[in-house]
Amino acid sequence: MGTSIDCIIPREKDFEIEELRKRLDDVFVRLKTEVLHLREFGHFSKRENTNEKWFLIFVPAHDNQPEYTMGEGFVFSVDIYKNVVLIGCTERFNSLYFKEKNTSDQLFKIITELAKEFCFSNRLLLGAGGFGDTDRVIDMAYSDHANFDQICAKMTELHGIPADNFDDLKDVPWYLS
């Protein structure tokens, strides 16, 4: 179920790119233990070329497409849309619930800390990316400027009631807190 992890949160804070880059870099510094754990046990985090510094770029509006900011750091990515933020991770979605992989706590902690850089509310949606489970709502966020509540409603329409714990993610492709 899913080849990657997508996390969608409300966008409640705005920063200039340089300030945001520093704040995101600081997350990796604060969570060095979790990053090192992922480097040891994560499937994609083991790559030698993964950088723990954030690269961010502003993409201006063009050809009827909206402006947004995108970036990547380590095995994570971020797309900052008008109303929501998408945090992606190349680790497999099942890394959140297969205890044998020994990475769920670290992944969740890093994602949660990255999310705190954009919102106060601690609301977050985790979805299985890569097989289309989140494609429609990501398109809504980008093209239609959908807000977090609209995205949650669409996920419920598409996939039913969300999991309320990671163990249930074996059967449900999304989690909401």
N, C-alpha and C. Protein backbone atom coordinates (compact mmCIF):
# COMPACT_ATOMS: atom_id res chain seq x y z
N MET A 1 0.84 -1.18 0.00
CA MET A 1 0.00 0.00 0.00
C MET A 1 0.88 1.23 0.00
N GLY A 2 0.97 1.90 -1.13
CA GLY A 2 1.71 3.15 -1.23
C GLY A 2 3.20 2.96 -1.30
N THR A 3 3.83 3.74 -2.14
CA THR A 3 5.28 3.66 -2.27
C THR A 3 6.00 4.76 -1.51
N SER A 4 5.25 5.73 -1.00
CA SER A 4 5.87 6.83 -0.26
C SER A 4 4.87 7.36 0.76
N ILE A 5 5.34 8.32 1.53
CA ILE A 5 4.50 8.93 2.57
C ILE A 5 4.21 10.36 2.15
N ASP A 6 2.92 10.72 2.15
CA ASP A 6 2.50 12.10 1.93
C ASP A 6 1.86 12.61 3.21
N CYS A 7 2.26 13.77 3.64
CA CYS A 7 1.69 14.42 4.81
C CYS A 7 1.16 15.77 4.37
N ILE A 8 -0.10 16.03 4.64
CA ILE A 8 -0.72 17.31 4.29
C ILE A 8 -1.14 17.99 5.58
N ILE A 9 -0.80 19.26 5.69
CA ILE A 9 -1.12 20.05 6.88
C ILE A 9 -1.67 21.39 6.45
N PRO A 10 -2.42 22.06 7.33
CA PRO A 10 -2.85 23.42 6.99
C PRO A 10 -1.64 24.36 6.95
N ARG A 11 -1.68 25.30 6.05
CA ARG A 11 -0.63 26.32 6.02
C ARG A 11 -1.10 27.48 6.87
N GLU A 12 -0.46 27.66 8.01
CA GLU A 12 -0.86 28.70 8.96
C GLU A 12 0.25 29.71 9.22
N LYS A 13 1.42 29.49 8.66
CA LYS A 13 2.56 30.39 8.86
C LYS A 13 3.19 30.70 7.51
N ASP A 14 3.75 31.87 7.38
CA ASP A 14 4.48 32.28 6.19
C ASP A 14 5.87 32.73 6.60
N PHE A 15 6.86 32.36 5.79
CA PHE A 15 8.24 32.78 6.02
C PHE A 15 8.89 33.09 4.69
N GLU A 16 9.86 33.95 4.72
CA GLU A 16 10.72 34.13 3.55
C GLU A 16 11.52 32.86 3.37
N ILE A 17 11.96 32.58 2.15
CA ILE A 17 12.63 31.31 1.85
C ILE A 17 13.85 31.08 2.73
N GLU A 18 14.67 32.10 2.92
CA GLU A 18 15.90 31.90 3.70
C GLU A 18 15.59 31.57 5.16
N GLU A 19 14.61 32.24 5.74
CA GLU A 19 14.23 31.93 7.12
C GLU A 19 13.64 30.52 7.20
N LEU A 20 12.82 30.17 6.25
CA LEU A 20 12.23 28.84 6.23
C LEU A 20 13.30 27.76 6.07
N ARG A 21 14.27 28.00 5.19
CA ARG A 21 15.35 27.03 4.99
C ARG A 21 16.09 26.81 6.31
N LYS A 22 16.38 27.88 7.01
CA LYS A 22 17.08 27.74 8.28
C LYS A 22 16.24 26.96 9.29
N ARG A 23 14.96 27.26 9.37
CA ARG A 23 14.08 26.57 10.32
C ARG A 23 13.99 25.08 10.00
N LEU A 24 13.88 24.75 8.70
CA LEU A 24 13.80 23.35 8.31
C LEU A 24 15.14 22.63 8.55
N ASP A 25 16.25 23.30 8.24
CA ASP A 25 17.56 22.73 8.54
C ASP A 25 17.70 22.46 10.04
N ASP A 26 17.20 23.38 10.85
CA ASP A 26 17.28 23.22 12.31
C ASP A 26 16.52 21.98 12.80
N VAL A 27 15.44 21.61 12.09
CA VAL A 27 14.71 20.39 12.47
C VAL A 27 15.65 19.19 12.38
N PHE A 28 16.42 19.09 11.30
CA PHE A 28 17.33 17.95 11.15
C PHE A 28 18.44 17.98 12.21
N VAL A 29 18.86 19.18 12.61
CA VAL A 29 19.88 19.29 13.66
C VAL A 29 19.29 18.84 15.00
N ARG A 30 18.09 19.32 15.32
CA ARG A 30 17.43 18.94 16.58
C ARG A 30 17.15 17.45 16.65
N LEU A 31 16.85 16.86 15.51
CA LEU A 31 16.46 15.44 15.48
C LEU A 31 17.57 14.56 14.89
N LYS A 32 18.79 14.93 15.19
CA LYS A 32 19.95 14.19 14.65
C LYS A 32 19.88 12.70 14.97
N THR A 33 19.43 12.35 16.17
CA THR A 33 19.33 10.94 16.55
C THR A 33 18.35 10.21 15.63
N GLU A 34 17.20 10.83 15.35
CA GLU A 34 16.20 10.20 14.49
C GLU A 34 16.71 10.11 13.05
N VAL A 35 17.41 11.15 12.58
CA VAL A 35 17.97 11.13 11.23
C VAL A 35 19.00 10.02 11.11
N LEU A 36 19.87 9.89 12.10
CA LEU A 36 20.87 8.82 12.07
C LEU A 36 20.20 7.44 12.11
N HIS A 37 19.14 7.31 12.88
CA HIS A 37 18.40 6.05 12.94
C HIS A 37 17.83 5.71 11.55
N LEU A 38 17.25 6.70 10.87
CA LEU A 38 16.73 6.46 9.52
C LEU A 38 17.85 6.09 8.56
N ARG A 39 19.00 6.73 8.71
CA ARG A 39 20.14 6.39 7.85
C ARG A 39 20.54 4.93 8.03
N GLU A 40 20.39 4.42 9.24
CA GLU A 40 20.77 3.03 9.51
C GLU A 40 19.69 2.03 9.11
N PHE A 41 18.42 2.34 9.39
CA PHE A 41 17.36 1.36 9.21
C PHE A 41 16.40 1.65 8.05
N GLY A 42 16.38 2.87 7.56
CA GLY A 42 15.47 3.21 6.46
C GLY A 42 15.94 2.61 5.15
N HIS A 43 14.98 2.32 4.28
CA HIS A 43 15.33 1.74 2.99
C HIS A 43 15.99 2.77 2.08
N PHE A 44 15.37 3.93 1.92
CA PHE A 44 15.89 4.95 1.03
C PHE A 44 16.81 5.93 1.73
N SER A 45 16.76 5.99 3.04
CA SER A 45 17.59 6.92 3.80
C SER A 45 19.06 6.51 3.82
N LYS A 46 19.35 5.29 3.42
CA LYS A 46 20.73 4.80 3.45
C LYS A 46 21.59 5.36 2.33
N ARG A 47 20.97 5.96 1.34
CA ARG A 47 21.74 6.46 0.21
C ARG A 47 22.80 7.46 0.65
N GLU A 48 23.96 7.33 0.07
CA GLU A 48 25.09 8.22 0.42
C GLU A 48 24.83 9.67 0.02
N ASN A 49 24.07 9.89 -1.05
CA ASN A 49 23.93 11.25 -1.58
C ASN A 49 22.79 12.05 -0.95
N THR A 50 22.19 11.56 0.11
CA THR A 50 21.12 12.33 0.73
C THR A 50 21.71 13.46 1.57
N ASN A 51 21.18 14.64 1.38
CA ASN A 51 21.70 15.84 2.04
C ASN A 51 20.74 16.25 3.16
N GLU A 52 21.29 16.58 4.30
CA GLU A 52 20.47 16.99 5.43
C GLU A 52 20.27 18.50 5.47
N LYS A 53 20.54 19.18 4.39
CA LYS A 53 20.26 20.61 4.25
C LYS A 53 19.13 20.77 3.25
N TRP A 54 18.29 21.76 3.50
CA TRP A 54 17.14 21.99 2.63
C TRP A 54 17.50 22.87 1.44
N PHE A 55 17.05 22.46 0.27
CA PHE A 55 17.09 23.27 -0.94
C PHE A 55 15.66 23.71 -1.21
N LEU A 56 15.41 25.01 -1.24
CA LEU A 56 14.07 25.55 -1.48
C LEU A 56 14.10 26.51 -2.66
N ILE A 57 13.02 26.53 -3.40
CA ILE A 57 12.92 27.44 -4.54
C ILE A 57 11.47 27.90 -4.68
N PHE A 58 11.31 29.17 -5.01
CA PHE A 58 9.99 29.73 -5.28
C PHE A 58 9.69 29.52 -6.77
N VAL A 59 8.52 28.98 -7.06
CA VAL A 59 8.10 28.76 -8.44
C VAL A 59 7.00 29.78 -8.74
N PRO A 60 7.29 30.76 -9.59
CA PRO A 60 6.28 31.79 -9.87
C PRO A 60 5.12 31.23 -10.71
N ALA A 61 4.00 31.92 -10.65
CA ALA A 61 2.85 31.54 -11.47
C ALA A 61 3.22 31.63 -12.94
N HIS A 62 2.75 30.66 -13.73
CA HIS A 62 3.01 30.66 -15.16
C HIS A 62 1.99 29.76 -15.87
N ASP A 63 1.65 30.10 -17.10
CA ASP A 63 0.74 29.29 -17.92
C ASP A 63 -0.49 28.83 -17.15
N ASN A 64 -1.14 29.74 -16.46
CA ASN A 64 -2.35 29.45 -15.67
C ASN A 64 -2.09 28.49 -14.51
N GLN A 65 -0.84 28.35 -14.11
CA GLN A 65 -0.50 27.52 -12.95
C GLN A 65 -0.17 28.44 -11.78
N PRO A 66 -0.56 28.06 -10.56
CA PRO A 66 -0.32 28.95 -9.41
C PRO A 66 1.14 28.94 -8.95
N GLU A 67 1.49 29.97 -8.21
CA GLU A 67 2.82 30.02 -7.61
C GLU A 67 2.84 29.11 -6.39
N TYR A 68 4.02 28.62 -6.06
CA TYR A 68 4.21 27.83 -4.85
C TYR A 68 5.70 27.74 -4.58
N THR A 69 6.04 27.22 -3.43
CA THR A 69 7.43 27.00 -3.06
C THR A 69 7.64 25.51 -2.93
N MET A 70 8.76 25.03 -3.44
CA MET A 70 9.06 23.60 -3.34
C MET A 70 10.48 23.42 -2.82
N GLY A 71 10.72 22.27 -2.22
CA GLY A 71 12.06 22.02 -1.73
C GLY A 71 12.26 20.58 -1.35
N GLU A 72 13.51 20.28 -1.04
CA GLU A 72 13.84 18.93 -0.58
C GLU A 72 15.04 18.98 0.35
N GLY A 73 15.09 18.00 1.23
CA GLY A 73 16.18 17.84 2.17
C GLY A 73 16.15 16.44 2.74
N PHE A 74 17.28 15.79 2.76
CA PHE A 74 17.41 14.40 3.20
C PHE A 74 16.50 13.56 2.33
N VAL A 75 15.56 12.81 2.84
CA VAL A 75 14.64 12.02 2.02
C VAL A 75 13.23 12.62 2.08
N PHE A 76 13.16 13.90 2.40
CA PHE A 76 11.89 14.59 2.54
C PHE A 76 11.77 15.67 1.46
N SER A 77 10.54 16.02 1.16
CA SER A 77 10.28 17.12 0.24
C SER A 77 9.18 17.98 0.85
N VAL A 78 9.05 19.19 0.33
CA VAL A 78 8.00 20.08 0.80
C VAL A 78 7.49 20.88 -0.40
N ASP A 79 6.17 20.97 -0.50
CA ASP A 79 5.52 21.84 -1.47
C ASP A 79 4.58 22.73 -0.67
N ILE A 80 4.81 24.02 -0.75
CA ILE A 80 4.03 24.98 0.03
C ILE A 80 3.04 25.66 -0.91
N TYR A 81 1.79 25.26 -0.78
CA TYR A 81 0.72 25.80 -1.61
C TYR A 81 0.02 26.94 -0.87
N LYS A 82 -0.99 27.51 -1.48
CA LYS A 82 -1.68 28.66 -0.91
C LYS A 82 -2.29 28.36 0.46
N ASN A 83 -2.94 27.21 0.61
CA ASN A 83 -3.66 26.91 1.85
C ASN A 83 -3.14 25.71 2.64
N VAL A 84 -2.34 24.88 2.02
CA VAL A 84 -1.81 23.70 2.69
C VAL A 84 -0.36 23.49 2.33
N VAL A 85 0.28 22.63 3.09
CA VAL A 85 1.66 22.24 2.84
C VAL A 85 1.70 20.73 2.68
N LEU A 86 2.40 20.27 1.67
CA LEU A 86 2.61 18.84 1.45
C LEU A 86 4.04 18.51 1.83
N ILE A 87 4.18 17.63 2.81
CA ILE A 87 5.50 17.11 3.19
C ILE A 87 5.55 15.68 2.68
N GLY A 88 6.52 15.39 1.86
CA GLY A 88 6.66 14.05 1.31
C GLY A 88 7.89 13.37 1.87
N CYS A 89 7.86 12.05 1.86
CA CYS A 89 9.01 11.26 2.30
C CYS A 89 9.13 10.05 1.37
N THR A 90 10.34 9.77 0.91
CA THR A 90 10.53 8.66 -0.02
C THR A 90 10.50 7.30 0.66
N GLU A 91 10.54 7.27 1.98
CA GLU A 91 10.41 5.97 2.66
C GLU A 91 9.03 5.40 2.37
N ARG A 92 8.92 4.10 2.36
CA ARG A 92 7.65 3.44 2.08
C ARG A 92 6.60 3.76 3.14
N PHE A 93 5.34 3.88 2.69
CA PHE A 93 4.24 4.16 3.60
C PHE A 93 4.14 3.09 4.69
N ASN A 94 4.42 1.84 4.33
CA ASN A 94 4.32 0.78 5.33
C ASN A 94 5.38 0.88 6.41
N SER A 95 6.36 1.76 6.24
CA SER A 95 7.34 2.01 7.30
C SER A 95 6.70 2.62 8.53
N LEU A 96 5.50 3.18 8.36
CA LEU A 96 4.78 3.76 9.49
C LEU A 96 4.11 2.70 10.36
N TYR A 97 3.84 1.52 9.81
CA TYR A 97 3.11 0.53 10.59
C TYR A 97 3.76 -0.84 10.68
N PHE A 98 4.74 -1.17 9.84
CA PHE A 98 5.45 -2.43 10.00
C PHE A 98 6.52 -2.25 11.07
N LYS A 99 6.27 -2.77 12.24
CA LYS A 99 7.20 -2.60 13.36
C LYS A 99 8.56 -3.22 13.07
N GLU A 100 8.57 -4.25 12.20
CA GLU A 100 9.83 -4.92 11.85
C GLU A 100 10.81 -3.96 11.17
N LYS A 101 10.28 -2.92 10.53
CA LYS A 101 11.15 -1.96 9.85
C LYS A 101 11.86 -1.03 10.83
N ASN A 102 11.31 -0.90 12.04
CA ASN A 102 11.97 -0.15 13.11
C ASN A 102 12.21 1.32 12.75
N THR A 103 11.26 1.93 12.02
CA THR A 103 11.43 3.33 11.64
C THR A 103 10.21 4.19 11.90
N SER A 104 9.09 3.62 12.31
CA SER A 104 7.85 4.39 12.39
C SER A 104 7.94 5.56 13.38
N ASP A 105 8.49 5.34 14.54
CA ASP A 105 8.59 6.42 15.53
C ASP A 105 9.44 7.58 15.02
N GLN A 106 10.57 7.25 14.39
CA GLN A 106 11.47 8.29 13.89
C GLN A 106 10.84 9.06 12.73
N LEU A 107 10.21 8.34 11.80
CA LEU A 107 9.56 9.01 10.69
C LEU A 107 8.47 9.96 11.18
N PHE A 108 7.62 9.47 12.08
CA PHE A 108 6.53 10.29 12.57
C PHE A 108 7.06 11.52 13.31
N LYS A 109 8.11 11.34 14.09
CA LYS A 109 8.66 12.48 14.83
C LYS A 109 9.23 13.53 13.89
N ILE A 110 9.96 13.11 12.87
CA ILE A 110 10.53 14.07 11.92
C ILE A 110 9.42 14.77 11.15
N ILE A 111 8.45 14.02 10.65
CA ILE A 111 7.34 14.62 9.91
C ILE A 111 6.59 15.61 10.79
N THR A 112 6.33 15.23 12.03
CA THR A 112 5.61 16.11 12.95
C THR A 112 6.38 17.40 13.21
N GLU A 113 7.68 17.29 13.40
CA GLU A 113 8.50 18.49 13.64
C GLU A 113 8.57 19.38 12.41
N LEU A 114 8.66 18.77 11.22
CA LEU A 114 8.62 19.57 10.00
C LEU A 114 7.28 20.29 9.89
N ALA A 115 6.21 19.60 10.22
CA ALA A 115 4.86 20.18 10.14
C ALA A 115 4.71 21.38 11.07
N LYS A 116 5.34 21.32 12.22
CA LYS A 116 5.23 22.42 13.19
C LYS A 116 5.82 23.72 12.65
N GLU A 117 6.65 23.63 11.64
CA GLU A 117 7.22 24.84 11.04
C GLU A 117 6.19 25.60 10.21
N PHE A 118 5.05 24.96 9.91
CA PHE A 118 4.04 25.57 9.05
C PHE A 118 2.70 25.79 9.73
N CYS A 119 2.43 25.09 10.82
CA CYS A 119 1.11 25.25 11.43
C CYS A 119 1.19 25.12 12.95
N PHE A 120 0.24 25.78 13.59
CA PHE A 120 0.12 25.76 15.04
C PHE A 120 -0.83 24.67 15.53
N SER A 121 -1.75 24.26 14.68
CA SER A 121 -2.89 23.45 15.09
C SER A 121 -2.57 21.97 15.32
N ASN A 122 -1.43 21.50 14.90
CA ASN A 122 -1.06 20.09 15.03
C ASN A 122 -1.98 19.16 14.25
N ARG A 123 -2.72 19.69 13.30
CA ARG A 123 -3.56 18.87 12.44
C ARG A 123 -2.69 18.31 11.32
N LEU A 124 -2.82 17.00 11.08
CA LEU A 124 -2.06 16.44 9.99
C LEU A 124 -2.72 15.22 9.42
N LEU A 125 -2.54 15.06 8.13
CA LEU A 125 -3.07 13.94 7.38
C LEU A 125 -1.88 13.20 6.80
N LEU A 126 -1.79 11.91 7.05
CA LEU A 126 -0.76 11.09 6.43
C LEU A 126 -1.45 10.17 5.44
N GLY A 127 -0.93 10.12 4.22
CA GLY A 127 -1.53 9.28 3.20
C GLY A 127 -0.49 8.48 2.45
N ALA A 128 -0.96 7.40 1.86
CA ALA A 128 -0.10 6.55 1.06
C ALA A 128 0.08 7.20 -0.31
N GLY A 129 1.27 7.64 -0.61
CA GLY A 129 1.56 8.24 -1.90
C GLY A 129 2.08 7.20 -2.87
N GLY A 130 2.05 7.54 -4.13
CA GLY A 130 2.66 6.68 -5.13
C GLY A 130 1.71 5.77 -5.89
N PHE A 131 0.60 5.38 -5.32
CA PHE A 131 -0.37 4.54 -6.03
C PHE A 131 -1.67 5.28 -6.26
N GLY A 132 -1.66 6.59 -6.14
CA GLY A 132 -2.85 7.37 -6.42
C GLY A 132 -3.73 7.68 -5.23
N ASP A 133 -3.39 7.20 -4.04
CA ASP A 133 -4.24 7.44 -2.87
C ASP A 133 -4.35 8.92 -2.52
N THR A 134 -3.30 9.69 -2.79
CA THR A 134 -3.32 11.11 -2.46
C THR A 134 -3.28 12.01 -3.69
N ASP A 135 -3.19 11.44 -4.87
CA ASP A 135 -3.05 12.25 -6.09
C ASP A 135 -4.16 13.29 -6.25
N ARG A 136 -5.39 12.89 -6.06
CA ARG A 136 -6.53 13.80 -6.28
C ARG A 136 -6.50 14.97 -5.31
N VAL A 137 -6.20 14.71 -4.04
CA VAL A 137 -6.21 15.81 -3.07
C VAL A 137 -5.00 16.73 -3.24
N ILE A 138 -3.88 16.18 -3.69
CA ILE A 138 -2.72 17.03 -3.95
C ILE A 138 -3.02 17.95 -5.13
N ASP A 139 -3.69 17.41 -6.14
CA ASP A 139 -4.10 18.24 -7.27
C ASP A 139 -5.06 19.34 -6.81
N MET A 140 -5.98 19.00 -5.91
CA MET A 140 -6.91 19.99 -5.36
C MET A 140 -6.14 21.11 -4.63
N ALA A 141 -5.13 20.73 -3.88
CA ALA A 141 -4.34 21.71 -3.13
C ALA A 141 -3.58 22.64 -4.06
N TYR A 142 -3.04 22.08 -5.11
CA TYR A 142 -2.24 22.85 -6.05
C TYR A 142 -3.12 23.70 -6.97
N SER A 143 -4.02 23.07 -7.68
CA SER A 143 -4.79 23.76 -8.72
C SER A 143 -5.99 24.54 -8.19
N ASP A 144 -6.67 23.96 -7.21
CA ASP A 144 -7.93 24.56 -6.74
C ASP A 144 -7.78 25.32 -5.43
N HIS A 145 -6.57 25.38 -4.88
CA HIS A 145 -6.31 26.06 -3.60
C HIS A 145 -7.19 25.50 -2.48
N ALA A 146 -7.43 24.20 -2.49
CA ALA A 146 -8.25 23.56 -1.45
C ALA A 146 -7.60 23.77 -0.09
N ASN A 147 -8.45 23.89 0.92
CA ASN A 147 -7.93 24.01 2.29
C ASN A 147 -7.90 22.62 2.94
N PHE A 148 -7.40 22.57 4.14
CA PHE A 148 -7.21 21.30 4.83
C PHE A 148 -8.54 20.55 5.02
N ASP A 149 -9.59 21.25 5.42
CA ASP A 149 -10.88 20.59 5.63
C ASP A 149 -11.44 20.02 4.33
N GLN A 150 -11.29 20.73 3.23
CA GLN A 150 -11.75 20.22 1.94
C GLN A 150 -10.97 18.95 1.55
N ILE A 151 -9.69 18.96 1.83
CA ILE A 151 -8.86 17.79 1.51
C ILE A 151 -9.26 16.60 2.36
N CYS A 152 -9.49 16.82 3.64
CA CYS A 152 -9.93 15.73 4.53
C CYS A 152 -11.27 15.16 4.07
N ALA A 153 -12.18 16.04 3.66
CA ALA A 153 -13.49 15.58 3.18
C ALA A 153 -13.34 14.73 1.93
N LYS A 154 -12.45 15.14 1.02
CA LYS A 154 -12.24 14.37 -0.22
C LYS A 154 -11.58 13.03 0.09
N MET A 155 -10.63 13.01 1.03
CA MET A 155 -10.00 11.73 1.41
C MET A 155 -11.04 10.79 2.01
N THR A 156 -11.95 11.31 2.81
CA THR A 156 -13.01 10.49 3.39
C THR A 156 -13.91 9.95 2.27
N GLU A 157 -14.25 10.80 1.33
CA GLU A 157 -15.07 10.37 0.19
C GLU A 157 -14.37 9.27 -0.62
N LEU A 158 -13.08 9.43 -0.84
CA LEU A 158 -12.33 8.49 -1.66
C LEU A 158 -11.95 7.20 -0.93
N HIS A 159 -11.63 7.31 0.37
CA HIS A 159 -11.01 6.18 1.07
C HIS A 159 -11.70 5.78 2.37
N GLY A 160 -12.79 6.44 2.71
CA GLY A 160 -13.51 6.10 3.94
C GLY A 160 -12.90 6.76 5.16
N ILE A 161 -13.32 6.26 6.32
CA ILE A 161 -12.88 6.80 7.60
C ILE A 161 -11.37 6.59 7.77
N PRO A 162 -10.64 7.61 8.25
CA PRO A 162 -9.19 7.46 8.41
C PRO A 162 -8.83 6.55 9.59
N ALA A 163 -7.64 6.02 9.53
CA ALA A 163 -7.09 5.27 10.67
C ALA A 163 -6.85 6.24 11.81
N ASP A 164 -7.03 5.77 13.04
CA ASP A 164 -6.71 6.64 14.17
C ASP A 164 -5.48 6.15 14.91
N ASN A 165 -4.84 5.11 14.38
CA ASN A 165 -3.55 4.66 14.90
C ASN A 165 -2.79 3.99 13.76
N PHE A 166 -1.50 3.86 13.91
CA PHE A 166 -0.66 3.35 12.83
C PHE A 166 -0.92 1.87 12.53
N ASP A 167 -1.32 1.09 13.51
CA ASP A 167 -1.60 -0.32 13.26
C ASP A 167 -2.72 -0.49 12.24
N ASP A 168 -3.70 0.41 12.24
CA ASP A 168 -4.82 0.32 11.31
C ASP A 168 -4.44 0.70 9.88
N LEU A 169 -3.24 1.25 9.69
CA LEU A 169 -2.82 1.65 8.36
C LEU A 169 -2.58 0.44 7.44
N LYS A 170 -2.55 -0.74 8.01
CA LYS A 170 -2.44 -1.96 7.17
C LYS A 170 -3.66 -2.08 6.27
N ASP A 171 -4.80 -1.57 6.73
CA ASP A 171 -6.06 -1.73 6.00
C ASP A 171 -6.64 -0.43 5.46
N VAL A 172 -6.15 0.70 5.92
CA VAL A 172 -6.69 2.01 5.54
C VAL A 172 -5.51 2.86 5.04
N PRO A 173 -5.66 3.51 3.86
CA PRO A 173 -4.50 4.22 3.28
C PRO A 173 -4.26 5.63 3.81
N TRP A 174 -4.90 5.98 4.95
CA TRP A 174 -4.63 7.33 5.48
C TRP A 174 -4.91 7.43 6.95
N TYR A 175 -4.26 8.42 7.56
CA TYR A 175 -4.33 8.66 9.00
C TYR A 175 -4.59 10.14 9.19
N LEU A 176 -5.37 10.47 10.20
CA LEU A 176 -5.70 11.87 10.48
C LEU A 176 -5.57 12.14 11.97
N SER A 177 -4.88 13.23 12.29
CA SER A 177 -4.82 13.65 13.70
C SER A 177 -5.09 15.13 13.80
